[in-house]
Amino acid sequence: MDRIPNEALVVRGGRNRPEDIKRSTATHPSGITGISVECAVGLSVAELAVTIPHGQVGVTTVGEVRSSDGDVIRTSQQLPKSCKINWLNTRTSKSAADTNDS
């Protein structure tokens, strides 16, 4: 599986507070524990957020997640609503909670 470049944008709907991340953390069928995010190389925030039903969207980059000891991993089993779903491994709460709301 190819590694997602550090400059790729990562978006997730909602407020993305630590308690939101904790409540949403689960284990993907592939065995990765974390949260679902939208991430794809070369797409804008608007393109990544098109399927997100929330009024708020958190935005960061893959590199920022990795600098906080997390990672964004392509998953083999994609959800039907999006071809861009990936899994953000939340090895530390800082990695997901530091996303910026826009």
PDB file of N, CA and C in Angstrom:
ATOM      1  N   MET A   1       0.848  -1.182   0.000  1.00  0.00           N
ATOM      2  CA  MET A   1       0.000   0.000   0.000  1.00  0.00           C
ATOM      3  C   MET A   1       0.896   1.248   0.000  1.00  0.00           C
ATOM      4  N   ASP A   2       0.603   2.215  -0.865  1.00  0.00           N
ATOM      5  CA  ASP A   2       1.386   3.440  -0.962  1.00  0.00           C
ATOM      6  C   ASP A   2       1.151   4.337   0.242  1.00  0.00           C
ATOM      7  N   ARG A   3       2.208   4.978   0.679  1.00  0.00           N
ATOM      8  CA  ARG A   3       2.133   5.927   1.792  1.00  0.00           C
ATOM      9  C   ARG A   3       1.542   7.242   1.276  1.00  0.00           C
ATOM     10  N   ILE A   4       0.607   7.815   2.025  1.00  0.00           N
ATOM     11  CA  ILE A   4      -0.017   9.078   1.646  1.00  0.00           C
ATOM     12  C   ILE A   4       0.994  10.194   1.893  1.00  0.00           C
ATOM     13  N   PRO A   5       1.195  11.097   0.922  1.00  0.00           N
ATOM     14  CA  PRO A   5       2.176  12.174   1.094  1.00  0.00           C
ATOM     15  C   PRO A   5       1.804  13.124   2.236  1.00  0.00           C
ATOM     16  N   ASN A   6       2.808  13.694   2.879  1.00  0.00           N
ATOM     17  CA  ASN A   6       2.600  14.609   4.000  1.00  0.00           C
ATOM     18  C   ASN A   6       1.760  15.824   3.646  1.00  0.00           C
ATOM     19  N   GLU A   7       1.816  16.290   2.414  1.00  0.00           N
ATOM     20  CA  GLU A   7       1.082  17.506   2.032  1.00  0.00           C
ATOM     21  C   GLU A   7      -0.406  17.269   1.760  1.00  0.00           C
ATOM     22  N   ALA A   8      -0.848  16.028   1.730  1.00  0.00           N
ATOM     23  CA  ALA A   8      -2.265  15.739   1.485  1.00  0.00           C
ATOM     24  C   ALA A   8      -3.124  16.297   2.618  1.00  0.00           C
ATOM     25  N   LEU A   9      -4.250  16.909   2.260  1.00  0.00           N
ATOM     26  CA  LEU A   9      -5.181  17.450   3.255  1.00  0.00           C
ATOM     27  C   LEU A   9      -5.984  16.321   3.903  1.00  0.00           C
ATOM     28  N   VAL A  10      -6.346  16.536   5.163  1.00  0.00           N
ATOM     29  CA  VAL A  10      -7.172  15.604   5.929  1.00  0.00           C
ATOM     30  C   VAL A  10      -8.338  16.403   6.478  1.00  0.00           C
ATOM     31  N   VAL A  11      -9.575  15.961   6.235  1.00  0.00           N
ATOM     32  CA  VAL A  11     -10.743  16.650   6.771  1.00  0.00           C
ATOM     33  C   VAL A  11     -11.632  15.661   7.520  1.00  0.00           C
ATOM     34  N   ARG A  12     -12.309  16.194   8.521  1.00  0.00           N
ATOM     35  CA  ARG A  12     -13.268  15.417   9.297  1.00  0.00           C
ATOM     36  C   ARG A  12     -14.367  16.356   9.761  1.00  0.00           C
ATOM     37  N   GLY A  13     -15.603  15.925   9.638  1.00  0.00           N
ATOM     38  CA  GLY A  13     -16.730  16.736  10.049  1.00  0.00           C
ATOM     39  C   GLY A  13     -16.886  16.778  11.557  1.00  0.00           C
ATOM     40  N   GLY A  14     -17.471  17.860  12.034  1.00  0.00           N
ATOM     41  CA  GLY A  14     -17.752  18.007  13.454  1.00  0.00           C
ATOM     42  C   GLY A  14     -16.770  18.930  14.138  1.00  0.00           C
ATOM     43  N   ARG A  15     -16.907  19.001  15.467  1.00  0.00           N
ATOM     44  CA  ARG A  15     -16.067  19.909  16.253  1.00  0.00           C
ATOM     45  C   ARG A  15     -14.668  19.354  16.500  1.00  0.00           C
ATOM     46  N   ASN A  16     -14.516  18.043  16.489  1.00  0.00           N
ATOM     47  CA  ASN A  16     -13.217  17.386  16.649  1.00  0.00           C
ATOM     48  C   ASN A  16     -12.528  17.712  17.975  1.00  0.00           C
ATOM     49  N   ARG A  17     -13.333  17.889  19.021  1.00  0.00           N
ATOM     50  CA  ARG A  17     -12.769  18.072  20.358  1.00  0.00           C
ATOM     51  C   ARG A  17     -12.243  16.721  20.843  1.00  0.00           C
ATOM     52  N   PRO A  18     -11.352  16.713  21.814  1.00  0.00           N
ATOM     53  CA  PRO A  18     -10.820  15.426  22.308  1.00  0.00           C
ATOM     54  C   PRO A  18     -11.918  14.432  22.661  1.00  0.00           C
ATOM     55  N   GLU A  19     -12.995  14.895  23.296  1.00  0.00           N
ATOM     56  CA  GLU A  19     -14.079  13.969  23.657  1.00  0.00           C
ATOM     57  C   GLU A  19     -14.818  13.447  22.420  1.00  0.00           C
ATOM     58  N   ASP A  20     -14.884  14.253  21.351  1.00  0.00           N
ATOM     59  CA  ASP A  20     -15.507  13.796  20.102  1.00  0.00           C
ATOM     60  C   ASP A  20     -14.650  12.713  19.459  1.00  0.00           C
ATOM     61  N   ILE A  21     -13.340  12.938  19.458  1.00  0.00           N
ATOM     62  CA  ILE A  21     -12.412  11.961  18.883  1.00  0.00           C
ATOM     63  C   ILE A  21     -12.460  10.660  19.679  1.00  0.00           C
ATOM     64  N   LYS A  22     -12.450  10.769  20.998  1.00  0.00           N
ATOM     65  CA  LYS A  22     -12.501   9.570  21.851  1.00  0.00           C
ATOM     66  C   LYS A  22     -13.779   8.774  21.584  1.00  0.00           C
ATOM     67  N   ARG A  23     -14.919   9.468  21.493  1.00  0.00           N
ATOM     68  CA  ARG A  23     -16.203   8.802  21.272  1.00  0.00           C
ATOM     69  C   ARG A  23     -16.250   8.125  19.898  1.00  0.00           C
ATOM     70  N   SER A  24     -15.575   8.696  18.919  1.00  0.00           N
ATOM     71  CA  SER A  24     -15.616   8.177  17.548  1.00  0.00           C
ATOM     72  C   SER A  24     -14.550   7.134  17.255  1.00  0.00           C
ATOM     73  N   THR A  25     -13.601   6.960  18.143  1.00  0.00           N
ATOM     74  CA  THR A  25     -12.517   6.013  17.898  1.00  0.00           C
ATOM     75  C   THR A  25     -13.052   4.587  17.894  1.00  0.00           C
ATOM     76  N   ALA A  26     -12.649   3.848  16.876  1.00  0.00           N
ATOM     77  CA  ALA A  26     -13.091   2.463  16.715  1.00  0.00           C
ATOM     78  C   ALA A  26     -12.004   1.695  15.969  1.00  0.00           C
ATOM     79  N   THR A  27     -12.194   0.413  15.861  1.00  0.00           N
ATOM     80  CA  THR A  27     -11.259  -0.407  15.099  1.00  0.00           C
ATOM     81  C   THR A  27     -11.870  -0.728  13.742  1.00  0.00           C
ATOM     82  N   HIS A  28     -11.173  -0.346  12.694  1.00  0.00           N
ATOM     83  CA  HIS A  28     -11.588  -0.612  11.317  1.00  0.00           C
ATOM     84  C   HIS A  28     -11.514  -2.123  11.070  1.00  0.00           C
ATOM     85  N   PRO A  29     -12.313  -2.655  10.150  1.00  0.00           N
ATOM     86  CA  PRO A  29     -12.243  -4.096   9.846  1.00  0.00           C
ATOM     87  C   PRO A  29     -10.842  -4.591   9.475  1.00  0.00           C
ATOM     88  N   SER A  30      -9.975  -3.692   9.003  1.00  0.00           N
ATOM     89  CA  SER A  30      -8.611  -4.097   8.652  1.00  0.00           C
ATOM     90  C   SER A  30      -7.705  -4.214   9.882  1.00  0.00           C
ATOM     91  N   GLY A  31      -8.215  -3.797  11.069  1.00  0.00           N
ATOM     92  CA  GLY A  31      -7.454  -3.921  12.299  1.00  0.00           C
ATOM     93  C   GLY A  31      -6.832  -2.626  12.793  1.00  0.00           C
ATOM     94  N   ILE A  32      -6.972  -1.524  12.062  1.00  0.00           N
ATOM     95  CA  ILE A  32      -6.410  -0.240  12.459  1.00  0.00           C
ATOM     96  C   ILE A  32      -7.384   0.461  13.400  1.00  0.00           C
ATOM     97  N   THR A  33      -6.894   0.930  14.542  1.00  0.00           N
ATOM     98  CA  THR A  33      -7.732   1.664  15.477  1.00  0.00           C
ATOM     99  C   THR A  33      -7.538   3.154  15.259  1.00  0.00           C
ATOM    100  N   GLY A  34      -8.646   3.886  15.163  1.00  0.00           N
ATOM    101  CA  GLY A  34      -8.583   5.330  14.950  1.00  0.00           C
ATOM    102  C   GLY A  34      -9.957   5.871  14.594  1.00  0.00           C
ATOM    103  N   ILE A  35      -9.973   6.905  13.756  1.00  0.00           N
ATOM    104  CA  ILE A  35     -11.215   7.545  13.317  1.00  0.00           C
ATOM    105  C   ILE A  35     -11.222   7.646  11.797  1.00  0.00           C
ATOM    106  N   SER A  36     -12.401   7.731  11.215  1.00  0.00           N
ATOM    107  CA  SER A  36     -12.490   7.886   9.767  1.00  0.00           C
ATOM    108  C   SER A  36     -12.279   9.349   9.396  1.00  0.00           C
ATOM    109  N   VAL A  37     -11.572   9.566   8.303  1.00  0.00           N
ATOM    110  CA  VAL A  37     -11.309  10.907   7.785  1.00  0.00           C
ATOM    111  C   VAL A  37     -11.384  10.861   6.266  1.00  0.00           C
ATOM    112  N   GLU A  38     -11.549  12.019   5.662  1.00  0.00           N
ATOM    113  CA  GLU A  38     -11.467  12.153   4.218  1.00  0.00           C
ATOM    114  C   GLU A  38     -10.083  12.683   3.892  1.00  0.00           C
ATOM    115  N   CYS A  39      -9.397  12.032   2.980  1.00  0.00           N
ATOM    116  CA  CYS A  39      -8.048  12.437   2.615  1.00  0.00           C
ATOM    117  C   CYS A  39      -7.741  11.901   1.231  1.00  0.00           C
ATOM    118  N   ALA A  40      -7.241  12.763   0.365  1.00  0.00           N
ATOM    119  CA  ALA A  40      -6.822  12.330  -0.958  1.00  0.00           C
ATOM    120  C   ALA A  40      -5.817  13.333  -1.496  1.00  0.00           C
ATOM    121  N   VAL A  41      -4.875  12.852  -2.250  1.00  0.00           N
ATOM    122  CA  VAL A  41      -3.831  13.698  -2.812  1.00  0.00           C
ATOM    123  C   VAL A  41      -4.428  14.616  -3.879  1.00  0.00           C
ATOM    124  N   GLY A  42      -4.140  15.904  -3.765  1.00  0.00           N
ATOM    125  CA  GLY A  42      -4.527  16.857  -4.798  1.00  0.00           C
ATOM    126  C   GLY A  42      -5.942  17.395  -4.737  1.00  0.00           C
ATOM    127  N   LEU A  43      -6.733  17.014  -3.737  1.00  0.00           N
ATOM    128  CA  LEU A  43      -8.096  17.525  -3.645  1.00  0.00           C
ATOM    129  C   LEU A  43      -8.159  18.681  -2.655  1.00  0.00           C
ATOM    130  N   SER A  44      -9.079  19.607  -2.902  1.00  0.00           N
ATOM    131  CA  SER A  44      -9.280  20.754  -2.023  1.00  0.00           C
ATOM    132  C   SER A  44     -10.121  20.354  -0.812  1.00  0.00           C
ATOM    133  N   VAL A  45     -10.182  21.262   0.162  1.00  0.00           N
ATOM    134  CA  VAL A  45     -11.034  21.035   1.331  1.00  0.00           C
ATOM    135  C   VAL A  45     -12.483  20.856   0.882  1.00  0.00           C
ATOM    136  N   ALA A  46     -12.945  21.706  -0.037  1.00  0.00           N
ATOM    137  CA  ALA A  46     -14.333  21.616  -0.525  1.00  0.00           C
ATOM    138  C   ALA A  46     -14.605  20.263  -1.181  1.00  0.00           C
ATOM    139  N   GLU A  47     -13.659  19.766  -1.961  1.00  0.00           N
ATOM    140  CA  GLU A  47     -13.851  18.470  -2.620  1.00  0.00           C
ATOM    141  C   GLU A  47     -13.864  17.331  -1.602  1.00  0.00           C
ATOM    142  N   LEU A  48     -13.006  17.417  -0.604  1.00  0.00           N
ATOM    143  CA  LEU A  48     -12.960  16.369   0.412  1.00  0.00           C
ATOM    144  C   LEU A  48     -14.181  16.399   1.329  1.00  0.00           C
ATOM    145  N   ALA A  49     -14.729  17.584   1.557  1.00  0.00           N
ATOM    146  CA  ALA A  49     -15.839  17.736   2.500  1.00  0.00           C
ATOM    147  C   ALA A  49     -17.209  17.567   1.868  1.00  0.00           C
ATOM    148  N   VAL A  50     -17.286  17.306   0.579  1.00  0.00           N
ATOM    149  CA  VAL A  50     -18.577  17.265  -0.118  1.00  0.00           C
ATOM    150  C   VAL A  50     -19.555  16.250   0.478  1.00  0.00           C
ATOM    151  N   THR A  51     -19.078  15.159   1.030  1.00  0.00           N
ATOM    152  CA  THR A  51     -19.985  14.140   1.595  1.00  0.00           C
ATOM    153  C   THR A  51     -20.168  14.288   3.102  1.00  0.00           C
ATOM    154  N   ILE A  52     -19.530  15.275   3.707  1.00  0.00           N
ATOM    155  CA  ILE A  52     -19.612  15.452   5.152  1.00  0.00           C
ATOM    156  C   ILE A  52     -20.862  16.259   5.492  1.00  0.00           C
ATOM    157  N   PRO A  53     -21.763  15.708   6.310  1.00  0.00           N
ATOM    158  CA  PRO A  53     -23.039  16.363   6.586  1.00  0.00           C
ATOM    159  C   PRO A  53     -22.983  17.421   7.688  1.00  0.00           C
ATOM    160  N   HIS A  54     -21.825  17.639   8.289  1.00  0.00           N
ATOM    161  CA  HIS A  54     -21.713  18.569   9.414  1.00  0.00           C
ATOM    162  C   HIS A  54     -21.523  20.007   8.944  1.00  0.00           C
ATOM    163  N   GLY A  55     -21.911  20.964   9.780  1.00  0.00           N
ATOM    164  CA  GLY A  55     -21.690  22.367   9.480  1.00  0.00           C
ATOM    165  C   GLY A  55     -20.260  22.803   9.759  1.00  0.00           C
ATOM    166  N   GLN A  56     -19.515  22.007  10.509  1.00  0.00           N
ATOM    167  CA  GLN A  56     -18.127  22.305  10.828  1.00  0.00           C
ATOM    168  C   GLN A  56     -17.230  21.219  10.264  1.00  0.00           C
ATOM    169  N   VAL A  57     -16.058  21.637   9.784  1.00  0.00           N
ATOM    170  CA  VAL A  57     -15.099  20.681   9.246  1.00  0.00           C
ATOM    171  C   VAL A  57     -13.725  21.017   9.802  1.00  0.00           C
ATOM    172  N   GLY A  58     -13.062  20.024  10.384  1.00  0.00           N
ATOM    173  CA  GLY A  58     -11.685  20.184  10.837  1.00  0.00           C
ATOM    174  C   GLY A  58     -10.743  19.874   9.696  1.00  0.00           C
ATOM    175  N   VAL A  59      -9.673  20.648   9.586  1.00  0.00           N
ATOM    176  CA  VAL A  59      -8.722  20.491   8.480  1.00  0.00           C
ATOM    177  C   VAL A  59      -7.304  20.447   9.035  1.00  0.00           C
ATOM    178  N   THR A  60      -6.507  19.526   8.530  1.00  0.00           N
ATOM    179  CA  THR A  60      -5.086  19.442   8.848  1.00  0.00           C
ATOM    180  C   THR A  60      -4.395  18.803   7.652  1.00  0.00           C
ATOM    181  N   THR A  61      -3.144  18.467   7.782  1.00  0.00           N
ATOM    182  CA  THR A  61      -2.432  17.736   6.733  1.00  0.00           C
ATOM    183  C   THR A  61      -1.942  16.413   7.296  1.00  0.00           C
ATOM    184  N   VAL A  62      -1.619  15.493   6.414  1.00  0.00           N
ATOM    185  CA  VAL A  62      -1.073  14.206   6.840  1.00  0.00           C
ATOM    186  C   VAL A  62       0.226  14.437   7.611  1.00  0.00           C
ATOM    187  N   GLY A  63       1.044  15.381   7.151  1.00  0.00           N
ATOM    188  CA  GLY A  63       2.307  15.672   7.832  1.00  0.00           C
ATOM    189  C   GLY A  63       2.097  16.148   9.259  1.00  0.00           C
ATOM    190  N   GLU A  64       1.078  16.986   9.483  1.00  0.00           N
ATOM    191  CA  GLU A  64       0.793  17.455  10.840  1.00  0.00           C
ATOM    192  C   GLU A  64       0.346  16.301  11.734  1.00  0.00           C
ATOM    193  N   VAL A  65      -0.438  15.394  11.186  1.00  0.00           N
ATOM    194  CA  VAL A  65      -0.864  14.214  11.951  1.00  0.00           C
ATOM    195  C   VAL A  65       0.356  13.380  12.325  1.00  0.00           C
ATOM    196  N   ARG A  66       1.243  13.169  11.359  1.00  0.00           N
ATOM    197  CA  ARG A  66       2.443  12.358  11.633  1.00  0.00           C
ATOM    198  C   ARG A  66       3.369  13.028  12.643  1.00  0.00           C
ATOM    199  N   SER A  67       3.439  14.350  12.622  1.00  0.00           N
ATOM    200  CA  SER A  67       4.308  15.045  13.576  1.00  0.00           C
ATOM    201  C   SER A  67       3.772  14.941  14.999  1.00  0.00           C
ATOM    202  N   SER A  68       2.517  14.535  15.132  1.00  0.00           N
ATOM    203  CA  SER A  68       1.904  14.335  16.449  1.00  0.00           C
ATOM    204  C   SER A  68       1.809  12.860  16.806  1.00  0.00           C
ATOM    205  N   ASP A  69       2.629  12.032  16.133  1.00  0.00           N
ATOM    206  CA  ASP A  69       2.705  10.596  16.394  1.00  0.00           C
ATOM    207  C   ASP A  69       1.451   9.832  15.967  1.00  0.00           C
ATOM    208  N   GLY A  70       0.751  10.336  14.967  1.00  0.00           N
ATOM    209  CA  GLY A  70      -0.368   9.614  14.379  1.00  0.00           C
ATOM    210  C   GLY A  70      -0.032   9.264  12.945  1.00  0.00           C
ATOM    211  N   ASP A  71      -0.987   8.785  12.204  1.00  0.00           N
ATOM    212  CA  ASP A  71      -0.798   8.524  10.784  1.00  0.00           C
ATOM    213  C   ASP A  71      -2.154   8.468  10.111  1.00  0.00           C
ATOM    214  N   VAL A  72      -2.175   8.698   8.815  1.00  0.00           N
ATOM    215  CA  VAL A  72      -3.380   8.548   8.003  1.00  0.00           C
ATOM    216  C   VAL A  72      -3.105   7.391   7.061  1.00  0.00           C
ATOM    217  N   ILE A  73      -3.962   6.394   7.128  1.00  0.00           N
ATOM    218  CA  ILE A  73      -3.723   5.138   6.434  1.00  0.00           C
ATOM    219  C   ILE A  73      -4.873   4.844   5.487  1.00  0.00           C
ATOM    220  N   ARG A  74      -4.532   4.525   4.238  1.00  0.00           N
ATOM    221  CA  ARG A  74      -5.572   4.103   3.291  1.00  0.00           C
ATOM    222  C   ARG A  74      -6.117   2.769   3.768  1.00  0.00           C
ATOM    223  N   THR A  75      -7.423   2.649   3.721  1.00  0.00           N
ATOM    224  CA  THR A  75      -8.042   1.389   4.137  1.00  0.00           C
ATOM    225  C   THR A  75      -8.485   0.613   2.912  1.00  0.00           C
ATOM    226  N   SER A  76      -8.409  -0.691   3.015  1.00  0.00           N
ATOM    227  CA  SER A  76      -8.766  -1.541   1.886  1.00  0.00           C
ATOM    228  C   SER A  76     -10.266  -1.614   1.682  1.00  0.00           C
ATOM    229  N   GLN A  77     -11.015  -1.477   2.749  1.00  0.00           N
ATOM    230  CA  GLN A  77     -12.470  -1.535   2.661  1.00  0.00           C
ATOM    231  C   GLN A  77     -13.010  -0.113   2.706  1.00  0.00           C
ATOM    232  N   GLN A  78     -13.456   0.392   1.572  1.00  0.00           N
ATOM    233  CA  GLN A  78     -13.967   1.749   1.482  1.00  0.00           C
ATOM    234  C   GLN A  78     -15.464   1.763   1.778  1.00  0.00           C
ATOM    235  N   LEU A  79     -15.936   2.846   2.365  1.00  0.00           N
ATOM    236  CA  LEU A  79     -17.358   2.998   2.616  1.00  0.00           C
ATOM    237  C   LEU A  79     -18.051   3.420   1.327  1.00  0.00           C
ATOM    238  N   PRO A  80     -19.305   3.009   1.112  1.00  0.00           N
ATOM    239  CA  PRO A  80     -19.988   3.299  -0.143  1.00  0.00           C
ATOM    240  C   PRO A  80     -20.135   4.782  -0.459  1.00  0.00           C
ATOM    241  N   LYS A  81     -20.266   5.662   0.539  1.00  0.00           N
ATOM    242  CA  LYS A  81     -20.539   7.065   0.255  1.00  0.00           C
ATOM    243  C   LYS A  81     -19.324   7.846  -0.235  1.00  0.00           C
ATOM    244  N   SER A  82     -18.133   7.297  -0.119  1.00  0.00           N
ATOM    245  CA  SER A  82     -16.952   8.069  -0.480  1.00  0.00           C
ATOM    246  C   SER A  82     -15.822   7.176  -0.938  1.00  0.00           C
ATOM    247  N   CYS A  83     -15.122   7.623  -1.950  1.00  0.00           N
ATOM    248  CA  CYS A  83     -13.930   6.892  -2.375  1.00  0.00           C
ATOM    249  C   CYS A  83     -12.699   7.443  -1.674  1.00  0.00           C
ATOM    250  N   LYS A  84     -12.877   8.404  -0.766  1.00  0.00           N
ATOM    251  CA  LYS A  84     -11.748   9.067  -0.136  1.00  0.00           C
ATOM    252  C   LYS A  84     -11.612   8.737   1.349  1.00  0.00           C
ATOM    253  N   ILE A  85     -12.403   7.827   1.869  1.00  0.00           N
ATOM    254  CA  ILE A  85     -12.333   7.507   3.298  1.00  0.00           C
ATOM    255  C   ILE A  85     -11.006   6.832   3.611  1.00  0.00           C
ATOM    256  N   ASN A  86     -10.361   7.316   4.632  1.00  0.00           N
ATOM    257  CA  ASN A  86      -9.119   6.746   5.138  1.00  0.00           C
ATOM    258  C   ASN A  86      -9.265   6.638   6.644  1.00  0.00           C
ATOM    259  N   TRP A  87      -8.272   6.109   7.290  1.00  0.00           N
ATOM    260  CA  TRP A  87      -8.337   5.925   8.732  1.00  0.00           C
ATOM    261  C   TRP A  87      -7.191   6.675   9.370  1.00  0.00           C
ATOM    262  N   LEU A  88      -7.505   7.527  10.336  1.00  0.00           N
ATOM    263  CA  LEU A  88      -6.494   8.273  11.061  1.00  0.00           C
ATOM    264  C   LEU A  88      -6.201   7.504  12.338  1.00  0.00           C
ATOM    265  N   ASN A  89      -4.976   7.025  12.455  1.00  0.00           N
ATOM    266  CA  ASN A  89      -4.573   6.284  13.632  1.00  0.00           C
ATOM    267  C   ASN A  89      -4.291   7.287  14.739  1.00  0.00           C
ATOM    268  N   THR A  90      -5.024   7.185  15.827  1.00  0.00           N
ATOM    269  CA  THR A  90      -4.908   8.139  16.922  1.00  0.00           C
ATOM    270  C   THR A  90      -4.041   7.571  18.038  1.00  0.00           C
ATOM    271  N   ARG A  91      -2.791   7.354  17.738  1.00  0.00           N
ATOM    272  CA  ARG A  91      -1.880   6.833  18.766  1.00  0.00           C
ATOM    273  C   ARG A  91      -1.766   7.800  19.928  1.00  0.00           C
ATOM    274  N   THR A  92      -1.944   9.094  19.662  1.00  0.00           N
ATOM    275  CA  THR A  92      -2.003  10.080  20.730  1.00  0.00           C
ATOM    276  C   THR A  92      -3.249  10.918  20.512  1.00  0.00           C
ATOM    277  N   SER A  93      -3.849  11.392  21.577  1.00  0.00           N
ATOM    278  CA  SER A  93      -5.048  12.208  21.428  1.00  0.00           C
ATOM    279  C   SER A  93      -4.723  13.518  20.730  1.00  0.00           C
ATOM    280  N   LYS A  94      -3.487  14.007  20.848  1.00  0.00           N
ATOM    281  CA  LYS A  94      -3.080  15.255  20.223  1.00  0.00           C
ATOM    282  C   LYS A  94      -3.195  15.174  18.699  1.00  0.00           C
ATOM    283  N   SER A  95      -2.914  14.027  18.110  1.00  0.00           N
ATOM    284  CA  SER A  95      -2.878  13.919  16.657  1.00  0.00           C
ATOM    285  C   SER A  95      -4.197  14.273  16.000  1.00  0.00           C
ATOM    286  N   ALA A  96      -5.297  13.906  16.604  1.00  0.00           N
ATOM    287  CA  ALA A  96      -6.595  14.207  15.995  1.00  0.00           C
ATOM    288  C   ALA A  96      -7.219  15.465  16.573  1.00  0.00           C
ATOM    289  N   ALA A  97      -6.982  15.727  17.822  1.00  0.00           N
ATOM    290  CA  ALA A  97      -7.641  16.854  18.478  1.00  0.00           C
ATOM    291  C   ALA A  97      -7.073  18.197  18.049  1.00  0.00           C
ATOM    292  N   ASP A  98      -5.899  18.227  17.452  1.00  0.00           N
ATOM    293  CA  ASP A  98      -5.301  19.491  17.057  1.00  0.00           C
ATOM    294  C   ASP A  98      -5.741  19.955  15.672  1.00  0.00           C
ATOM    295  N   THR A  99      -6.705  19.291  15.049  1.00  0.00           N
ATOM    296  CA  THR A  99      -7.172  19.767  13.745  1.00  0.00           C
ATOM    297  C   THR A  99      -7.820  21.127  13.926  1.00  0.00           C
ATOM    298  N   ASN A 100      -7.740  21.950  12.904  1.00  0.00           N
ATOM    299  CA  ASN A 100      -8.289  23.309  12.956  1.00  0.00           C
ATOM    300  C   ASN A 100      -9.678  23.321  12.360  1.00  0.00           C
ATOM    301  N   ASP A 101     -10.648  23.864  13.076  1.00  0.00           N
ATOM    302  CA  ASP A 101     -11.986  23.993  12.527  1.00  0.00           C
ATOM    303  C   ASP A 101     -12.016  25.134  11.543  1.00  0.00           C
ATOM    304  N   SER A 102     -12.707  24.925  10.427  1.00  0.00           N
ATOM    305  CA  SER A 102     -12.850  25.996   9.454  1.00  0.00           C
ATOM    306  C   SER A 102     -14.299  26.208   9.143  1.00  0.00           C
TER     307      SER A 102
END
